[in-house]
Amino acid sequence: MSSIKHLEWRYATKKFDTTKKLSESQIGILKNVFNLTATSYGLQPLKMLVISNDDIKKQLFEHSYNQVQVADCSHLLVICIKTNVDGDYVDEKFDLEIVIRGTEEETLSGFRNFLKDNINNKSEDDIETSNKHQAYIALGNLMTVCAFERIDSCPMEGFNPQKFDKLLNLKEQDLKSVLLLPVGFRAEDDFMSQLEKVRIPMEESVIEMK
C-alpha cells in the first residue's frame, strides 16, 4: 500500500472497539516512534505516558470533556513536556552523547556552552512554548506511523491539563501534559470511518515556486 493510501485510511477515530487491544509489539513500535522523533537540538524535552488501565482512563475521561475515545481506546498516550529543561539538563544530554558516541569533550564544549547559555537566557514561558512545539512534532510522527501500522488514533487538545497533571502526579515528575492520542481499533459502527475526507484543493494548499 502506498504512503498516500495509508494516510487516506487514517481519520480521527470517534468510536473505538473496546474488545480489541493493541499487542505488546504494536505498543513497542509506538514507544520507539516517540523516542526516535526529531526534537530541537536533540534535547528530547518530552515524555510519553502509555495508559492501558481502564480505571485510570475512566477517571481521565471526566477531565476530557466527556470524549469517549479517552475511556474506550486500547491505550491512551499522554504526551508531556519536561518542566526542568535548564543548563544541567543540557549537560546530561551531552554527557550521554559522549557515552554513546565516544565523542571527545573538546569537540562538544563549544556547542554545549552555546546551548546552556541559550537556555539560561530564556524565560520559563519561552522554554515551555518551545517544548510544546516539540510535542506537536511527536504527535504528528505517532499519527503517521499509526496509519502505516493500521492502528487507529484520535489526536486531542481538548482536555483539562491541570486535572490530568494532578491525577497522574505529573508535577512530582517535573512534567506537564499537553496532548493526548487515544489509540486502538475503530468500531465497525463508527460512521466517520466511511466518510470522504474533506480537504481544500491541492492547488490551494500547496504553492509551487519554480
C-alpha atoms as a PDB file:
ATOM      1  CA  MET A   1       0.000   0.000   0.000  1.00  0.00           C
ATOM      2  CA  SER A   2       1.304   3.441  -0.913  1.00  0.00           C
ATOM      3  CA  SER A   3       2.025   6.173   1.625  1.00  0.00           C
ATOM      4  CA  ILE A   4      -0.947   8.183   0.362  1.00  0.00           C
ATOM      5  CA  LYS A   5      -3.304   5.208   0.723  1.00  0.00           C
ATOM      6  CA  HIS A   6      -2.207   4.773   4.337  1.00  0.00           C
ATOM      7  CA  LEU A   7      -2.914   8.436   5.075  1.00  0.00           C
ATOM      8  CA  GLU A   8      -6.260   8.287   3.285  1.00  0.00           C
ATOM      9  CA  TRP A   9      -7.176   5.328   5.520  1.00  0.00           C
ATOM     10  CA  ARG A  10      -6.447   7.371   8.654  1.00  0.00           C
ATOM     11  CA  TYR A  11      -9.098   9.523  10.270  1.00  0.00           C
ATOM     12  CA  ALA A  12      -9.737  10.954  13.723  1.00  0.00           C
ATOM     13  CA  THR A  13     -11.426   7.906  15.220  1.00  0.00           C
ATOM     14  CA  LYS A  14     -14.609   8.775  17.057  1.00  0.00           C
ATOM     15  CA  LYS A  15     -15.511   5.318  18.353  1.00  0.00           C
ATOM     16  CA  PHE A  16     -13.118   2.546  19.348  1.00  0.00           C
ATOM     17  CA  ASP A  17     -13.862  -1.161  19.546  1.00  0.00           C
ATOM     18  CA  THR A  18     -13.449  -1.829  23.275  1.00  0.00           C
ATOM     19  CA  THR A  19     -12.933  -5.562  22.676  1.00  0.00           C
ATOM     20  CA  LYS A  20      -9.743  -5.080  20.662  1.00  0.00           C
ATOM     21  CA  LYS A  21      -6.407  -4.232  22.249  1.00  0.00           C
ATOM     22  CA  LEU A  22      -3.031  -3.329  20.785  1.00  0.00           C
ATOM     23  CA  SER A  23      -0.389  -6.025  21.136  1.00  0.00           C
ATOM     24  CA  GLU A  24       2.816  -5.517  23.098  1.00  0.00           C
ATOM     25  CA  SER A  25       4.618  -5.448  19.754  1.00  0.00           C
ATOM     26  CA  GLN A  26       2.424  -2.612  18.478  1.00  0.00           C
ATOM     27  CA  ILE A  27       2.875  -0.619  21.678  1.00  0.00           C
ATOM     28  CA  GLY A  28       6.610  -1.228  21.380  1.00  0.00           C
ATOM     29  CA  ILE A  29       6.582   0.318  17.911  1.00  0.00           C
ATOM     30  CA  LEU A  30       4.800   3.432  19.169  1.00  0.00           C
ATOM     31  CA  LYS A  31       7.204   3.813  22.075  1.00  0.00           C
ATOM     32  CA  ASN A  32      10.131   3.593  19.657  1.00  0.00           C
ATOM     33  CA  VAL A  33       8.488   6.088  17.313  1.00  0.00           C
ATOM     34  CA  PHE A  34       8.120   8.567  20.160  1.00  0.00           C
ATOM     35  CA  ASN A  35      11.697   8.090  21.281  1.00  0.00           C
ATOM     36  CA  LEU A  36      13.046   8.483  17.730  1.00  0.00           C
ATOM     37  CA  THR A  37      11.096  11.664  16.992  1.00  0.00           C
ATOM     38  CA  ALA A  38      13.202  14.636  15.964  1.00  0.00           C
ATOM     39  CA  THR A  39      13.450  17.448  18.535  1.00  0.00           C
ATOM     40  CA  SER A  40      15.234  20.777  18.551  1.00  0.00           C
ATOM     41  CA  TYR A  41      18.958  20.219  19.185  1.00  0.00           C
ATOM     42  CA  GLY A  42      18.068  16.605  20.004  1.00  0.00           C
ATOM     43  CA  LEU A  43      17.240  17.599  23.578  1.00  0.00           C
ATOM     44  CA  GLN A  44      14.051  15.495  23.820  1.00  0.00           C
ATOM     45  CA  PRO A  45      12.230  17.700  26.359  1.00  0.00           C
ATOM     46  CA  LEU A  46       9.294  15.280  26.286  1.00  0.00           C
ATOM     47  CA  LYS A  47       7.940  12.169  27.931  1.00  0.00           C
ATOM     48  CA  MET A  48       5.017   9.955  26.974  1.00  0.00           C
ATOM     49  CA  LEU A  49       2.688   8.085  29.299  1.00  0.00           C
ATOM     50  CA  VAL A  50       1.171   4.869  27.952  1.00  0.00           C
ATOM     51  CA  ILE A  51      -2.023   4.172  29.893  1.00  0.00           C
ATOM     52  CA  SER A  52      -3.869   0.864  29.493  1.00  0.00           C
ATOM     53  CA  ASN A  53      -5.537   0.747  32.922  1.00  0.00           C
ATOM     54  CA  ASP A  54      -9.301   1.093  32.371  1.00  0.00           C
ATOM     55  CA  ASP A  55      -9.960   2.682  35.766  1.00  0.00           C
ATOM     56  CA  ILE A  56      -7.399   5.410  35.136  1.00  0.00           C
ATOM     57  CA  LYS A  57      -8.765   6.039  31.637  1.00  0.00           C
ATOM     58  CA  LYS A  58     -12.278   6.405  33.045  1.00  0.00           C
ATOM     59  CA  GLN A  59     -11.071   8.938  35.599  1.00  0.00           C
ATOM     60  CA  LEU A  60      -9.300  10.906  32.882  1.00  0.00           C
ATOM     61  CA  PHE A  61     -12.407  10.746  30.694  1.00  0.00           C
ATOM     62  CA  GLU A  62     -14.134  13.048  33.198  1.00  0.00           C
ATOM     63  CA  HIS A  63     -11.463  15.684  32.523  1.00  0.00           C
ATOM     64  CA  SER A  64     -11.552  15.287  28.725  1.00  0.00           C
ATOM     65  CA  TYR A  65     -14.886  16.977  28.071  1.00  0.00           C
ATOM     66  CA  ASN A  66     -16.517  13.525  28.029  1.00  0.00           C
ATOM     67  CA  GLN A  67     -14.805  12.439  24.824  1.00  0.00           C
ATOM     68  CA  VAL A  68     -15.462   8.694  24.884  1.00  0.00           C
ATOM     69  CA  GLN A  69     -12.270   7.849  22.996  1.00  0.00           C
ATOM     70  CA  VAL A  70     -10.277   8.514  26.173  1.00  0.00           C
ATOM     71  CA  ALA A  71     -12.167   5.802  28.073  1.00  0.00           C
ATOM     72  CA  ASP A  72     -12.751   3.335  25.229  1.00  0.00           C
ATOM     73  CA  CYS A  73      -9.378   3.285  23.473  1.00  0.00           C
ATOM     74  CA  SER A  74      -6.977   0.391  23.842  1.00  0.00           C
ATOM     75  CA  HIS A  75      -4.231   2.672  25.162  1.00  0.00           C
ATOM     76  CA  LEU A  76      -4.160   6.360  25.961  1.00  0.00           C
ATOM     77  CA  LEU A  77      -0.929   8.130  25.037  1.00  0.00           C
ATOM     78  CA  VAL A  78      -0.315  11.307  27.036  1.00  0.00           C
ATOM     79  CA  ILE A  79       2.431  13.499  25.618  1.00  0.00           C
ATOM     80  CA  CYS A  80       4.080  15.618  28.285  1.00  0.00           C
ATOM     81  CA  ILE A  81       6.726  18.331  28.334  1.00  0.00           C
ATOM     82  CA  LYS A  82       9.525  18.470  30.865  1.00  0.00           C
ATOM     83  CA  THR A  83       9.492  21.492  33.172  1.00  0.00           C
ATOM     84  CA  ASN A  84      13.124  21.248  34.267  1.00  0.00           C
ATOM     85  CA  VAL A  85      14.953  21.930  30.982  1.00  0.00           C
ATOM     86  CA  ASP A  86      17.961  24.010  32.059  1.00  0.00           C
ATOM     87  CA  GLY A  87      21.742  24.033  31.834  1.00  0.00           C
ATOM     88  CA  ASP A  88      22.020  20.872  33.933  1.00  0.00           C
ATOM     89  CA  TYR A  89      19.625  19.078  31.587  1.00  0.00           C
ATOM     90  CA  VAL A  90      21.748  20.128  28.605  1.00  0.00           C
ATOM     91  CA  ASP A  91      24.806  18.706  30.352  1.00  0.00           C
ATOM     92  CA  GLU A  92      23.018  15.373  30.818  1.00  0.00           C
ATOM     93  CA  LYS A  93      22.311  15.158  27.086  1.00  0.00           C
ATOM     94  CA  PHE A  94      25.878  15.958  26.089  1.00  0.00           C
ATOM     95  CA  ASP A  95      27.267  13.537  28.661  1.00  0.00           C
ATOM     96  CA  LEU A  96      25.034  10.849  27.126  1.00  0.00           C
ATOM     97  CA  GLU A  97      26.437  11.637  23.677  1.00  0.00           C
ATOM     98  CA  ILE A  98      29.963  11.140  24.986  1.00  0.00           C
ATOM     99  CA  VAL A  99      28.976   7.732  26.402  1.00  0.00           C
ATOM    100  CA  ILE A 100      27.115   6.552  23.281  1.00  0.00           C
ATOM    101  CA  ARG A 101      29.270   8.036  20.515  1.00  0.00           C
ATOM    102  CA  GLY A 102      32.578   8.369  22.286  1.00  0.00           C
ATOM    103  CA  THR A 103      32.806  11.994  21.184  1.00  0.00           C
ATOM    104  CA  GLU A 104      35.615  13.990  22.783  1.00  0.00           C
ATOM    105  CA  GLU A 105      34.574  16.749  25.170  1.00  0.00           C
ATOM    106  CA  GLU A 106      36.770  19.194  23.251  1.00  0.00           C
ATOM    107  CA  THR A 107      34.591  18.618  20.206  1.00  0.00           C
ATOM    108  CA  LEU A 108      31.378  19.270  22.107  1.00  0.00           C
ATOM    109  CA  SER A 109      32.325  22.032  24.539  1.00  0.00           C
ATOM    110  CA  GLY A 110      31.565  24.954  22.223  1.00  0.00           C
ATOM    111  CA  PHE A 111      28.111  23.718  21.290  1.00  0.00           C
ATOM    112  CA  ARG A 112      27.414  22.591  24.867  1.00  0.00           C
ATOM    113  CA  ASN A 113      28.172  26.078  26.230  1.00  0.00           C
ATOM    114  CA  PHE A 114      26.171  27.745  23.449  1.00  0.00           C
ATOM    115  CA  LEU A 115      23.059  25.703  24.283  1.00  0.00           C
ATOM    116  CA  LYS A 116      23.422  26.217  28.019  1.00  0.00           C
ATOM    117  CA  ASP A 117      23.715  29.987  27.573  1.00  0.00           C
ATOM    118  CA  ASN A 118      20.797  29.965  25.154  1.00  0.00           C
ATOM    119  CA  ILE A 119      18.511  28.129  27.582  1.00  0.00           C
ATOM    120  CA  ASN A 120      19.668  30.008  30.665  1.00  0.00           C
ATOM    121  CA  ASN A 121      18.805  33.301  28.948  1.00  0.00           C
ATOM    122  CA  LYS A 122      15.260  32.215  28.090  1.00  0.00           C
ATOM    123  CA  SER A 123      12.218  32.769  30.281  1.00  0.00           C
ATOM    124  CA  GLU A 124      10.268  29.792  31.635  1.00  0.00           C
ATOM    125  CA  ASP A 125       7.386  30.705  29.337  1.00  0.00           C
ATOM    126  CA  ASP A 126       9.641  30.714  26.275  1.00  0.00           C
ATOM    127  CA  ILE A 127      11.073  27.323  27.188  1.00  0.00           C
ATOM    128  CA  GLU A 128       7.597  25.891  27.789  1.00  0.00           C
ATOM    129  CA  THR A 129       6.376  27.212  24.426  1.00  0.00           C
ATOM    130  CA  SER A 130       9.369  25.697  22.651  1.00  0.00           C
ATOM    131  CA  ASN A 131       8.838  22.358  24.366  1.00  0.00           C
ATOM    132  CA  LYS A 132       5.162  22.336  23.353  1.00  0.00           C
ATOM    133  CA  HIS A 133       6.237  22.788  19.731  1.00  0.00           C
ATOM    134  CA  GLN A 134       8.338  19.643  20.069  1.00  0.00           C
ATOM    135  CA  ALA A 135       5.295  17.780  21.431  1.00  0.00           C
ATOM    136  CA  TYR A 136       3.371  18.501  18.232  1.00  0.00           C
ATOM    137  CA  ILE A 137       6.202  17.037  16.166  1.00  0.00           C
ATOM    138  CA  ALA A 138       5.962  13.849  18.234  1.00  0.00           C
ATOM    139  CA  LEU A 139       2.174  13.766  17.838  1.00  0.00           C
ATOM    140  CA  GLY A 140       2.403  14.049  14.051  1.00  0.00           C
ATOM    141  CA  ASN A 141       5.051  11.353  13.909  1.00  0.00           C
ATOM    142  CA  LEU A 142       2.923   8.992  16.009  1.00  0.00           C
ATOM    143  CA  MET A 143      -0.191   9.603  13.917  1.00  0.00           C
ATOM    144  CA  THR A 144       1.634   8.876  10.672  1.00  0.00           C
ATOM    145  CA  VAL A 145       3.180   5.641  11.919  1.00  0.00           C
ATOM    146  CA  CYS A 146      -0.177   4.587  13.394  1.00  0.00           C
ATOM    147  CA  ALA A 147      -1.646   4.894   9.889  1.00  0.00           C
ATOM    148  CA  PHE A 148       1.147   2.762   8.416  1.00  0.00           C
ATOM    149  CA  GLU A 149       0.681   0.155  11.148  1.00  0.00           C
ATOM    150  CA  ARG A 150      -3.125   0.099  10.759  1.00  0.00           C
ATOM    151  CA  ILE A 151      -3.599   1.477  14.261  1.00  0.00           C
ATOM    152  CA  ASP A 152      -6.447   3.922  14.722  1.00  0.00           C
ATOM    153  CA  SER A 153      -5.900   7.148  16.616  1.00  0.00           C
ATOM    154  CA  CYS A 154      -7.508  10.449  17.517  1.00  0.00           C
ATOM    155  CA  PRO A 155      -5.330  13.497  18.324  1.00  0.00           C
ATOM    156  CA  MET A 156      -6.706  15.664  21.127  1.00  0.00           C
ATOM    157  CA  GLU A 157      -6.008  19.046  22.657  1.00  0.00           C
ATOM    158  CA  GLY A 158      -9.395  19.153  24.376  1.00  0.00           C
ATOM    159  CA  PHE A 159      -8.779  18.150  27.973  1.00  0.00           C
ATOM    160  CA  ASN A 160      -8.004  19.772  31.316  1.00  0.00           C
ATOM    161  CA  PRO A 161      -4.204  19.555  31.720  1.00  0.00           C
ATOM    162  CA  GLN A 162      -4.270  20.668  35.341  1.00  0.00           C
ATOM    163  CA  LYS A 163      -6.653  17.844  36.283  1.00  0.00           C
ATOM    164  CA  PHE A 164      -4.590  15.335  34.304  1.00  0.00           C
ATOM    165  CA  ASP A 165      -1.379  16.508  35.945  1.00  0.00           C
ATOM    166  CA  LYS A 166      -2.872  16.145  39.412  1.00  0.00           C
ATOM    167  CA  LEU A 167      -4.430  12.742  38.802  1.00  0.00           C
ATOM    168  CA  LEU A 168      -1.266  11.355  37.203  1.00  0.00           C
ATOM    169  CA  ASN A 169       1.116  13.004  39.714  1.00  0.00           C
ATOM    170  CA  LEU A 170       2.975  14.724  36.882  1.00  0.00           C
ATOM    171  CA  LYS A 171       4.160  17.762  38.827  1.00  0.00           C
ATOM    172  CA  GLU A 172       6.190  15.489  41.103  1.00  0.00           C
ATOM    173  CA  GLN A 173       7.899  14.170  37.961  1.00  0.00           C
ATOM    174  CA  ASP A 174       8.620  17.674  36.581  1.00  0.00           C
ATOM    175  CA  LEU A 175       6.115  17.131  33.765  1.00  0.00           C
ATOM    176  CA  LYS A 176       3.071  18.851  32.250  1.00  0.00           C
ATOM    177  CA  SER A 177       0.545  17.113  29.995  1.00  0.00           C
ATOM    178  CA  VAL A 178      -0.039  18.894  26.667  1.00  0.00           C
ATOM    179  CA  LEU A 179      -1.527  16.445  24.128  1.00  0.00           C
ATOM    180  CA  LEU A 180      -3.492  13.191  24.035  1.00  0.00           C
ATOM    181  CA  LEU A 181      -3.521  10.397  21.482  1.00  0.00           C
ATOM    182  CA  PRO A 182      -6.015   7.610  22.166  1.00  0.00           C
ATOM    183  CA  VAL A 183      -5.051   4.583  20.050  1.00  0.00           C
ATOM    184  CA  GLY A 184      -6.733   1.291  19.257  1.00  0.00           C
ATOM    185  CA  PHE A 185      -9.035  -0.077  16.578  1.00  0.00           C
ATOM    186  CA  ARG A 186     -12.091   1.601  15.091  1.00  0.00           C
ATOM    187  CA  ALA A 187     -15.535   0.231  15.879  1.00  0.00           C
ATOM    188  CA  GLU A 188     -17.402  -1.177  12.902  1.00  0.00           C
ATOM    189  CA  ASP A 189     -20.273   1.221  13.519  1.00  0.00           C
ATOM    190  CA  ASP A 190     -18.150   4.368  13.653  1.00  0.00           C
ATOM    191  CA  PHE A 191     -19.892   6.213  10.823  1.00  0.00           C
ATOM    192  CA  MET A 192     -16.958   8.635  10.476  1.00  0.00           C
ATOM    193  CA  SER A 193     -14.776   5.860   9.060  1.00  0.00           C
ATOM    194  CA  GLN A 194     -16.922   5.693   5.903  1.00  0.00           C
ATOM    195  CA  LEU A 195     -16.949   9.396   5.124  1.00  0.00           C
ATOM    196  CA  GLU A 196     -14.850  11.015   2.418  1.00  0.00           C
ATOM    197  CA  LYS A 197     -12.071  13.285   3.610  1.00  0.00           C
ATOM    198  CA  VAL A 198     -12.818  16.977   3.218  1.00  0.00           C
ATOM    199  CA  ARG A 199      -9.737  18.851   2.054  1.00  0.00           C
ATOM    200  CA  ILE A 200      -9.303  22.045   0.059  1.00  0.00           C
ATOM    201  CA  PRO A 201      -7.964  21.504  -3.481  1.00  0.00           C
ATOM    202  CA  MET A 202      -4.243  20.730  -3.669  1.00  0.00           C
ATOM    203  CA  GLU A 203      -3.525  23.826  -5.747  1.00  0.00           C
ATOM    204  CA  GLU A 204      -4.936  25.967  -2.931  1.00  0.00           C
ATOM    205  CA  SER A 205      -2.974  24.330  -0.118  1.00  0.00           C
ATOM    206  CA  VAL A 206       0.382  23.946  -1.879  1.00  0.00           C
ATOM    207  CA  ILE A 207       2.330  26.783  -3.501  1.00  0.00           C
ATOM    208  CA  GLU A 208       4.943  25.734  -6.038  1.00  0.00           C
ATOM    209  CA  MET A 209       7.790  28.107  -6.837  1.00  0.00           C
ATOM    210  CA  LYS A 210       9.731  27.048  -9.945  1.00  0.00           C
END
